[in-house]
PDB file of N, CA and C in Angstrom:
ATOM      1  N   UNK A   1       0.826  -1.193   0.000  1.00  0.00           N
ATOM      2  CA  UNK A   1       0.000   0.000   0.000  1.00  0.00           C
ATOM      3  C   UNK A   1       0.872   1.259   0.000  1.00  0.00           C
ATOM      4  N   UNK A   2       1.897   1.234   0.803  1.00  0.00           N
ATOM      5  CA  UNK A   2       2.794   2.393   0.875  1.00  0.00           C
ATOM      6  C   UNK A   2       3.507   2.589  -0.456  1.00  0.00           C
ATOM      7  N   UNK A   3       4.024   1.526  -1.000  1.00  0.00           N
ATOM      8  CA  UNK A   3       4.760   1.616  -2.267  1.00  0.00           C
ATOM      9  C   UNK A   3       3.841   2.061  -3.403  1.00  0.00           C
ATOM     10  N   UNK A   4       2.630   1.571  -3.433  1.00  0.00           N
ATOM     11  CA  UNK A   4       1.686   1.964  -4.476  1.00  0.00           C
ATOM     12  C   UNK A   4       1.383   3.453  -4.402  1.00  0.00           C
ATOM     13  N   UNK A   5       1.103   3.953  -3.220  1.00  0.00           N
ATOM     14  CA  UNK A   5       0.820   5.384  -3.062  1.00  0.00           C
ATOM     15  C   UNK A   5       2.055   6.223  -3.374  1.00  0.00           C
ATOM     16  N   UNK A   6       3.203   5.769  -2.940  1.00  0.00           N
ATOM     17  CA  UNK A   6       4.442   6.518  -3.188  1.00  0.00           C
ATOM     18  C   UNK A   6       4.737   6.639  -4.685  1.00  0.00           C
ATOM     19  N   UNK A   7       4.467   5.580  -5.435  1.00  0.00           N
ATOM     20  CA  UNK A   7       4.734   5.607  -6.874  1.00  0.00           C
ATOM     21  C   UNK A   7       3.814   6.543  -7.639  1.00  0.00           C
ATOM     22  N   UNK A   8       2.730   7.018  -7.024  1.00  0.00           N
ATOM     23  CA  UNK A   8       1.838   7.967  -7.706  1.00  0.00           C
ATOM     24  C   UNK A   8       2.355   9.392  -7.656  1.00  0.00           C
ATOM     25  N   UNK A   9       3.365   9.649  -6.840  1.00  0.00           N
ATOM     26  CA  UNK A   9       3.863  11.017  -6.657  1.00  0.00           C
ATOM     27  C   UNK A   9       4.965  11.327  -7.659  1.00  0.00           C
ATOM     28  N   UNK A  10       4.748  12.332  -8.511  1.00  0.00           N
ATOM     29  CA  UNK A  10       5.726  12.618  -9.563  1.00  0.00           C
ATOM     30  C   UNK A  10       7.087  13.082  -9.057  1.00  0.00           C
ATOM     31  N   UNK A  11       7.180  13.694  -7.913  1.00  0.00           N
ATOM     32  CA  UNK A  11       8.455  14.200  -7.426  1.00  0.00           C
ATOM     33  C   UNK A  11       9.245  13.227  -6.581  1.00  0.00           C
ATOM     34  N   UNK A  12       8.726  12.032  -6.374  1.00  0.00           N
ATOM     35  CA  UNK A  12       9.358  11.060  -5.498  1.00  0.00           C
ATOM     36  C   UNK A  12      10.368  10.213  -6.255  1.00  0.00           C
ATOM     37  N   UNK A  13      11.495   9.957  -5.621  1.00  0.00           N
ATOM     38  CA  UNK A  13      12.488   9.067  -6.202  1.00  0.00           C
ATOM     39  C   UNK A  13      11.888   7.674  -6.333  1.00  0.00           C
ATOM     40  N   UNK A  14      12.071   7.084  -7.480  1.00  0.00           N
ATOM     41  CA  UNK A  14      11.540   5.750  -7.706  1.00  0.00           C
ATOM     42  C   UNK A  14      10.204   5.722  -8.419  1.00  0.00           C
ATOM     43  N   UNK A  15       9.573   6.880  -8.582  1.00  0.00           N
ATOM     44  CA  UNK A  15       8.321   6.877  -9.339  1.00  0.00           C
ATOM     45  C   UNK A  15       8.646   6.747 -10.825  1.00  0.00           C
ATOM     46  N   UNK A  16       7.821   6.020 -11.559  1.00  0.00           N
ATOM     47  CA  UNK A  16       8.098   5.812 -12.983  1.00  0.00           C
ATOM     48  C   UNK A  16       8.109   7.127 -13.761  1.00  0.00           C
ATOM     49  N   UNK A  17       8.842   7.143 -14.854  1.00  0.00           N
ATOM     50  CA  UNK A  17       8.916   8.344 -15.682  1.00  0.00           C
ATOM     51  C   UNK A  17       7.556   8.738 -16.239  1.00  0.00           C
ATOM     52  N   UNK A  18       6.736   7.748 -16.558  1.00  0.00           N
ATOM     53  CA  UNK A  18       5.430   8.085 -17.115  1.00  0.00           C
ATOM     54  C   UNK A  18       4.541   8.776 -16.078  1.00  0.00           C
ATOM     55  N   UNK A  19       4.767   8.544 -14.798  1.00  0.00           N
ATOM     56  CA  UNK A  19       4.021   9.273 -13.759  1.00  0.00           C
ATOM     57  C   UNK A  19       4.368  10.749 -13.830  1.00  0.00           C
ATOM     58  N   UNK A  20       5.634  11.046 -14.005  1.00  0.00           N
ATOM     59  CA  UNK A  20       6.056  12.438 -14.120  1.00  0.00           C
ATOM     60  C   UNK A  20       5.452  13.095 -15.346  1.00  0.00           C
ATOM     61  N   UNK A  21       5.162  12.311 -16.369  1.00  0.00           N
ATOM     62  CA  UNK A  21       4.594  12.834 -17.606  1.00  0.00           C
ATOM     63  C   UNK A  21       3.075  13.015 -17.514  1.00  0.00           C
ATOM     64  N   UNK A  22       2.387  12.163 -16.715  1.00  0.00           N
ATOM     65  CA  UNK A  22       0.922  12.174 -16.686  1.00  0.00           C
ATOM     66  C   UNK A  22       0.284  12.723 -15.412  1.00  0.00           C
ATOM     67  N   UNK A  23       1.020  12.809 -14.305  1.00  0.00           N
ATOM     68  CA  UNK A  23       0.400  13.155 -13.022  1.00  0.00           C
ATOM     69  C   UNK A  23       0.960  14.467 -12.489  1.00  0.00           C
ATOM     70  N   UNK A  24       0.040  15.336 -12.048  1.00  0.00           N
ATOM     71  CA  UNK A  24       0.493  16.577 -11.425  1.00  0.00           C
ATOM     72  C   UNK A  24       0.504  16.464  -9.903  1.00  0.00           C
ATOM     73  N   UNK A  25      -0.364  15.628  -9.341  1.00  0.00           N
ATOM     74  CA  UNK A  25      -0.428  15.465  -7.884  1.00  0.00           C
ATOM     75  C   UNK A  25      -0.754  14.015  -7.565  1.00  0.00           C
ATOM     76  N   UNK A  26       0.032  13.406  -6.674  1.00  0.00           N
ATOM     77  CA  UNK A  26      -0.164  12.010  -6.330  1.00  0.00           C
ATOM     78  C   UNK A  26      -0.830  11.816  -4.981  1.00  0.00           C
ATOM     79  N   UNK A  27      -1.001  10.570  -4.617  1.00  0.00           N
ATOM     80  CA  UNK A  27      -1.681  10.201  -3.379  1.00  0.00           C
ATOM     81  C   UNK A  27      -0.793  10.467  -2.167  1.00  0.00           C
ATOM     82  N   UNK A  28      -1.424  10.786  -1.049  1.00  0.00           N
ATOM     83  CA  UNK A  28      -0.712  11.095   0.184  1.00  0.00           C
ATOM     84  C   UNK A  28      -0.859  10.009   1.232  1.00  0.00           C
ATOM     85  N   UNK A  29      -0.494  10.337   2.466  1.00  0.00           N
ATOM     86  CA  UNK A  29      -0.544   9.351   3.553  1.00  0.00           C
ATOM     87  C   UNK A  29      -1.943   8.817   3.852  1.00  0.00           C
ATOM     88  N   UNK A  30      -2.967   9.638   3.701  1.00  0.00           N
ATOM     89  CA  UNK A  30      -4.320   9.144   3.966  1.00  0.00           C
ATOM     90  C   UNK A  30      -4.752   8.105   2.934  1.00  0.00           C
ATOM     91  N   UNK A  31      -4.185   8.172   1.736  1.00  0.00           N
ATOM     92  CA  UNK A  31      -4.471   7.149   0.734  1.00  0.00           C
ATOM     93  C   UNK A  31      -3.928   5.801   1.198  1.00  0.00           C
ATOM     94  N   UNK A  32      -2.752   5.820   1.809  1.00  0.00           N
ATOM     95  CA  UNK A  32      -2.168   4.586   2.336  1.00  0.00           C
ATOM     96  C   UNK A  32      -3.084   4.007   3.413  1.00  0.00           C
ATOM     97  N   UNK A  33      -3.555   4.859   4.302  1.00  0.00           N
ATOM     98  CA  UNK A  33      -4.469   4.397   5.350  1.00  0.00           C
ATOM     99  C   UNK A  33      -5.732   3.796   4.750  1.00  0.00           C
ATOM    100  N   UNK A  34      -6.280   4.452   3.748  1.00  0.00           N
ATOM    101  CA  UNK A  34      -7.503   3.952   3.110  1.00  0.00           C
ATOM    102  C   UNK A  34      -7.253   2.640   2.381  1.00  0.00           C
ATOM    103  N   UNK A  35      -6.096   2.500   1.747  1.00  0.00           N
ATOM    104  CA  UNK A  35      -5.771   1.240   1.081  1.00  0.00           C
ATOM    105  C   UNK A  35      -5.675   0.094   2.089  1.00  0.00           C
ATOM    106  N   UNK A  36      -5.074   0.367   3.237  1.00  0.00           N
ATOM    107  CA  UNK A  36      -4.921  -0.677   4.255  1.00  0.00           C
ATOM    108  C   UNK A  36      -6.269  -1.049   4.863  1.00  0.00           C
ATOM    109  N   UNK A  37      -7.052  -0.047   5.245  1.00  0.00           N
ATOM    110  CA  UNK A  37      -8.363  -0.329   5.858  1.00  0.00           C
ATOM    111  C   UNK A  37      -9.287  -1.008   4.845  1.00  0.00           C
ATOM    112  N   UNK A  38      -9.281  -0.509   3.610  1.00  0.00           N
ATOM    113  CA  UNK A  38     -10.099  -1.139   2.572  1.00  0.00           C
ATOM    114  C   UNK A  38      -9.653  -2.555   2.277  1.00  0.00           C
ATOM    115  N   UNK A  39      -8.342  -2.775   2.278  1.00  0.00           N
ATOM    116  CA  UNK A  39      -7.817  -4.128   2.073  1.00  0.00           C
ATOM    117  C   UNK A  39      -8.240  -5.070   3.184  1.00  0.00           C
ATOM    118  N   UNK A  40      -8.228  -4.568   4.412  1.00  0.00           N
ATOM    119  CA  UNK A  40      -8.676  -5.385   5.550  1.00  0.00           C
ATOM    120  C   UNK A  40     -10.155  -5.737   5.409  1.00  0.00           C
ATOM    121  N   UNK A  41     -10.946  -4.757   5.027  1.00  0.00           N
ATOM    122  CA  UNK A  41     -12.387  -5.001   4.869  1.00  0.00           C
ATOM    123  C   UNK A  41     -12.647  -6.028   3.768  1.00  0.00           C
ATOM    124  N   UNK A  42     -11.962  -5.893   2.651  1.00  0.00           N
ATOM    125  CA  UNK A  42     -12.158  -6.841   1.547  1.00  0.00           C
ATOM    126  C   UNK A  42     -11.707  -8.235   1.965  1.00  0.00           C
ATOM    127  N   UNK A  43     -10.585  -8.330   2.651  1.00  0.00           N
ATOM    128  CA  UNK A  43     -10.104  -9.634   3.110  1.00  0.00           C
ATOM    129  C   UNK A  43     -11.123 -10.286   4.039  1.00  0.00           C
ATOM    130  N   UNK A  44     -11.666  -9.500   4.953  1.00  0.00           N
ATOM    131  CA  UNK A  44     -12.658 -10.044   5.882  1.00  0.00           C
ATOM    132  C   UNK A  44     -13.909 -10.512   5.141  1.00  0.00           C
ATOM    133  N   UNK A  45     -14.340  -9.736   4.147  1.00  0.00           N
ATOM    134  CA  UNK A  45     -15.515 -10.137   3.365  1.00  0.00           C
ATOM    135  C   UNK A  45     -15.257 -11.399   2.548  1.00  0.00           C
ATOM    136  N   UNK A  46     -14.001 -11.635   2.201  1.00  0.00           N
ATOM    137  CA  UNK A  46     -13.621 -12.835   1.462  1.00  0.00           C
ATOM    138  C   UNK A  46     -13.374 -14.023   2.401  1.00  0.00           C
ATOM    139  N   UNK A  47     -13.469 -13.784   3.716  1.00  0.00           N
ATOM    140  CA  UNK A  47     -13.276 -14.850   4.691  1.00  0.00           C
ATOM    141  C   UNK A  47     -11.823 -15.079   5.083  1.00  0.00           C
ATOM    142  N   UNK A  48     -10.976 -14.096   4.838  1.00  0.00           N
ATOM    143  CA  UNK A  48      -9.560 -14.239   5.148  1.00  0.00           C
ATOM    144  C   UNK A  48      -9.181 -13.335   6.311  1.00  0.00           C
ATOM    145  N   UNK A  49      -8.218 -13.783   7.088  1.00  0.00           N
ATOM    146  CA  UNK A  49      -7.719 -12.972   8.189  1.00  0.00           C
ATOM    147  C   UNK A  49      -6.494 -12.164   7.788  1.00  0.00           C
ATOM    148  N   UNK A  50      -5.979 -12.436   6.604  1.00  0.00           N
ATOM    149  CA  UNK A  50      -4.779 -11.763   6.117  1.00  0.00           C
ATOM    150  C   UNK A  50      -5.095 -10.891   4.908  1.00  0.00           C
ATOM    151  N   UNK A  51      -4.504  -9.718   4.868  1.00  0.00           N
ATOM    152  CA  UNK A  51      -4.637  -8.853   3.704  1.00  0.00           C
ATOM    153  C   UNK A  51      -3.566  -9.255   2.705  1.00  0.00           C
ATOM    154  N   UNK A  52      -3.994  -9.563   1.507  1.00  0.00           N
ATOM    155  CA  UNK A  52      -3.060  -9.945   0.446  1.00  0.00           C
ATOM    156  C   UNK A  52      -2.960  -8.830  -0.585  1.00  0.00           C
ATOM    157  N   UNK A  53      -1.989  -8.970  -1.437  1.00  0.00           N
ATOM    158  CA  UNK A  53      -1.786  -7.998  -2.513  1.00  0.00           C
ATOM    159  C   UNK A  53      -3.058  -7.856  -3.369  1.00  0.00           C
ATOM    160  N   UNK A  54      -3.736  -8.955  -3.604  1.00  0.00           N
ATOM    161  CA  UNK A  54      -4.962  -8.932  -4.407  1.00  0.00           C
ATOM    162  C   UNK A  54      -6.034  -8.039  -3.777  1.00  0.00           C
ATOM    163  N   UNK A  55      -6.075  -8.007  -2.455  1.00  0.00           N
ATOM    164  CA  UNK A  55      -7.049  -7.172  -1.759  1.00  0.00           C
ATOM    165  C   UNK A  55      -6.748  -5.693  -1.978  1.00  0.00           C
ATOM    166  N   UNK A  56      -5.489  -5.329  -1.888  1.00  0.00           N
ATOM    167  CA  UNK A  56      -5.081  -3.937  -2.110  1.00  0.00           C
ATOM    168  C   UNK A  56      -5.330  -3.544  -3.558  1.00  0.00           C
ATOM    169  N   UNK A  57      -4.975  -4.418  -4.479  1.00  0.00           N
ATOM    170  CA  UNK A  57      -5.166  -4.114  -5.900  1.00  0.00           C
ATOM    171  C   UNK A  57      -6.643  -3.973  -6.255  1.00  0.00           C
ATOM    172  N   UNK A  58      -7.499  -4.758  -5.607  1.00  0.00           N
ATOM    173  CA  UNK A  58      -8.931  -4.713  -5.911  1.00  0.00           C
ATOM    174  C   UNK A  58      -9.564  -3.383  -5.516  1.00  0.00           C
ATOM    175  N   UNK A  59      -9.034  -2.747  -4.484  1.00  0.00           N
ATOM    176  CA  UNK A  59      -9.630  -1.489  -4.039  1.00  0.00           C
ATOM    177  C   UNK A  59      -8.818  -0.265  -4.434  1.00  0.00           C
ATOM    178  N   UNK A  60      -7.713  -0.477  -5.138  1.00  0.00           N
ATOM    179  CA  UNK A  60      -6.821   0.638  -5.483  1.00  0.00           C
ATOM    180  C   UNK A  60      -7.520   1.708  -6.318  1.00  0.00           C
ATOM    181  N   UNK A  61      -8.291   1.301  -7.309  1.00  0.00           N
ATOM    182  CA  UNK A  61      -8.924   2.293  -8.172  1.00  0.00           C
ATOM    183  C   UNK A  61      -9.927   3.171  -7.419  1.00  0.00           C
ATOM    184  N   UNK A  62     -10.846   2.600  -6.655  1.00  0.00           N
ATOM    185  CA  UNK A  62     -11.774   3.476  -5.920  1.00  0.00           C
ATOM    186  C   UNK A  62     -11.085   4.380  -4.893  1.00  0.00           C
ATOM    187  N   UNK A  63     -10.019   3.882  -4.273  1.00  0.00           N
ATOM    188  CA  UNK A  63      -9.317   4.677  -3.263  1.00  0.00           C
ATOM    189  C   UNK A  63      -8.518   5.798  -3.911  1.00  0.00           C
ATOM    190  N   UNK A  64      -7.844   5.508  -5.002  1.00  0.00           N
ATOM    191  CA  UNK A  64      -6.941   6.482  -5.614  1.00  0.00           C
ATOM    192  C   UNK A  64      -7.620   7.384  -6.641  1.00  0.00           C
ATOM    193  N   UNK A  65      -8.837   7.064  -7.028  1.00  0.00           N
ATOM    194  CA  UNK A  65      -9.526   7.795  -8.089  1.00  0.00           C
ATOM    195  C   UNK A  65      -9.572   9.299  -7.848  1.00  0.00           C
ATOM    196  N   UNK A  66      -9.838   9.713  -6.646  1.00  0.00           N
ATOM    197  CA  UNK A  66      -9.948  11.149  -6.367  1.00  0.00           C
ATOM    198  C   UNK A  66      -8.695  11.728  -5.710  1.00  0.00           C
ATOM    199  N   UNK A  67      -7.665  10.893  -5.568  1.00  0.00           N
ATOM    200  CA  UNK A  67      -6.438  11.370  -4.930  1.00  0.00           C
ATOM    201  C   UNK A  67      -5.287  11.599  -5.904  1.00  0.00           C
ATOM    202  N   UNK A  68      -5.398  11.063  -7.100  1.00  0.00           N
ATOM    203  CA  UNK A  68      -4.381  11.249  -8.132  1.00  0.00           C
ATOM    204  C   UNK A  68      -4.947  12.226  -9.164  1.00  0.00           C
ATOM    205  N   UNK A  69      -4.223  13.300  -9.391  1.00  0.00           N
ATOM    206  CA  UNK A  69      -4.687  14.346 -10.310  1.00  0.00           C
ATOM    207  C   UNK A  69      -3.877  14.284 -11.605  1.00  0.00           C
ATOM    208  N   UNK A  70      -4.521  13.920 -12.713  1.00  0.00           N
ATOM    209  CA  UNK A  70      -3.801  13.909 -13.989  1.00  0.00           C
ATOM    210  C   UNK A  70      -3.474  15.331 -14.435  1.00  0.00           C
ATOM    211  N   UNK A  71      -2.382  15.476 -15.174  1.00  0.00           N
ATOM    212  CA  UNK A  71      -2.005  16.795 -15.665  1.00  0.00           C
ATOM    213  C   UNK A  71      -2.504  17.003 -17.098  1.00  0.00           C
ATOM    214  N   UNK A  72      -2.092  18.106 -17.684  1.00  0.00           N
ATOM    215  CA  UNK A  72      -2.536  18.456 -19.029  1.00  0.00           C
ATOM    216  C   UNK A  72      -2.084  17.419 -20.064  1.00  0.00           C
ATOM    217  N   UNK A  73      -0.885  16.876 -19.894  1.00  0.00           N
ATOM    218  CA  UNK A  73      -0.391  15.862 -20.834  1.00  0.00           C
ATOM    219  C   UNK A  73      -1.322  14.653 -20.867  1.00  0.00           C
ATOM    220  N   UNK A  74      -1.717  14.174 -19.695  1.00  0.00           N
ATOM    221  CA  UNK A  74      -2.607  13.016 -19.628  1.00  0.00           C
ATOM    222  C   UNK A  74      -3.957  13.333 -20.248  1.00  0.00           C
ATOM    223  N   UNK A  75      -4.507  14.485 -19.925  1.00  0.00           N
ATOM    224  CA  UNK A  75      -5.806  14.871 -20.466  1.00  0.00           C
ATOM    225  C   UNK A  75      -5.736  14.973 -21.982  1.00  0.00           C
ATOM    226  N   UNK A  76      -4.675  15.573 -22.483  1.00  0.00           N
ATOM    227  CA  UNK A  76      -4.505  15.719 -23.923  1.00  0.00           C
ATOM    228  C   UNK A  76      -4.350  14.396 -24.647  1.00  0.00           C
ATOM    229  N   UNK A  77      -3.789  13.394 -23.960  1.00  0.00           N
ATOM    230  CA  UNK A  77      -3.591  12.080 -24.550  1.00  0.00           C
ATOM    231  C   UNK A  77      -4.765  11.140 -24.283  1.00  0.00           C
ATOM    232  N   UNK A  78      -5.805  11.639 -23.619  1.00  0.00           N
ATOM    233  CA  UNK A  78      -6.973  10.817 -23.337  1.00  0.00           C
ATOM    234  C   UNK A  78      -6.783   9.842 -22.194  1.00  0.00           C
ATOM    235  N   UNK A  79      -5.833  10.126 -21.310  1.00  0.00           N
ATOM    236  CA  UNK A  79      -5.543   9.252 -20.166  1.00  0.00           C
ATOM    237  C   UNK A  79      -6.303   9.775 -18.959  1.00  0.00           C
ATOM    238  N   UNK A  80      -7.063   8.887 -18.305  1.00  0.00           N
ATOM    239  CA  UNK A  80      -7.778   9.293 -17.092  1.00  0.00           C
ATOM    240  C   UNK A  80      -7.166   8.603 -15.873  1.00  0.00           C
ATOM    241  N   UNK A  81      -7.707   8.898 -14.713  1.00  0.00           N
ATOM    242  CA  UNK A  81      -7.150   8.360 -13.465  1.00  0.00           C
ATOM    243  C   UNK A  81      -7.219   6.840 -13.438  1.00  0.00           C
ATOM    244  N   UNK A  82      -8.307   6.282 -13.926  1.00  0.00           N
ATOM    245  CA  UNK A  82      -8.440   4.829 -13.936  1.00  0.00           C
ATOM    246  C   UNK A  82      -7.328   4.179 -14.766  1.00  0.00           C
ATOM    247  N   UNK A  83      -6.997   4.793 -15.901  1.00  0.00           N
ATOM    248  CA  UNK A  83      -5.904   4.277 -16.732  1.00  0.00           C
ATOM    249  C   UNK A  83      -4.575   4.336 -15.980  1.00  0.00           C
ATOM    250  N   UNK A  84      -4.352   5.433 -15.272  1.00  0.00           N
ATOM    251  CA  UNK A  84      -3.107   5.606 -14.517  1.00  0.00           C
ATOM    252  C   UNK A  84      -3.001   4.540 -13.432  1.00  0.00           C
ATOM    253  N   UNK A  85      -4.063   4.312 -12.683  1.00  0.00           N
ATOM    254  CA  UNK A  85      -4.038   3.311 -11.607  1.00  0.00           C
ATOM    255  C   UNK A  85      -3.819   1.914 -12.188  1.00  0.00           C
ATOM    256  N   UNK A  86      -4.504   1.583 -13.266  1.00  0.00           N
ATOM    257  CA  UNK A  86      -4.321   0.268 -13.880  1.00  0.00           C
ATOM    258  C   UNK A  86      -2.884   0.090 -14.378  1.00  0.00           C
ATOM    259  N   UNK A  87      -2.323   1.132 -14.928  1.00  0.00           N
ATOM    260  CA  UNK A  87      -0.928   1.090 -15.399  1.00  0.00           C
ATOM    261  C   UNK A  87       0.032   0.881 -14.216  1.00  0.00           C
ATOM    262  N   UNK A  88      -0.255   1.524 -13.085  1.00  0.00           N
ATOM    263  CA  UNK A  88       0.557   1.334 -11.879  1.00  0.00           C
ATOM    264  C   UNK A  88       0.493  -0.103 -11.378  1.00  0.00           C
ATOM    265  N   UNK A  89      -0.680  -0.678 -11.407  1.00  0.00           N
ATOM    266  CA  UNK A  89      -0.855  -2.039 -10.900  1.00  0.00           C
ATOM    267  C   UNK A  89      -0.164  -3.081 -11.776  1.00  0.00           C
ATOM    268  N   UNK A  90      -0.009  -2.777 -13.051  1.00  0.00           N
ATOM    269  CA  UNK A  90       0.664  -3.716 -13.961  1.00  0.00           C
ATOM    270  C   UNK A  90       2.156  -3.782 -13.708  1.00  0.00           C
ATOM    271  N   UNK A  91       2.708  -2.720 -13.190  1.00  0.00           N
ATOM    272  CA  UNK A  91       4.134  -2.829 -12.977  1.00  0.00           C
ATOM    273  C   UNK A  91       4.795  -1.574 -12.723  1.00  0.00           C
TER     274      UNK A  91
END
């Protein structure tokens, strides 16, 4: 959860180059909290006591949708927040 949120920030070391090209503002610490709490809730609903990567990935888009702000480059290229989150989850 921490690494996923950190990679959304364009000014952070280790964020992909395409983030710097498409994102003007990334997710903050509260996004990490929401990813963890949401992951716990999803795990519990699935009958698991452990939060797995799949749980975090399943809720990443709804959690990050309003926390990642695409820039003009992304808008001009037809890239929306959902595309950015899916691209982050792929690698």
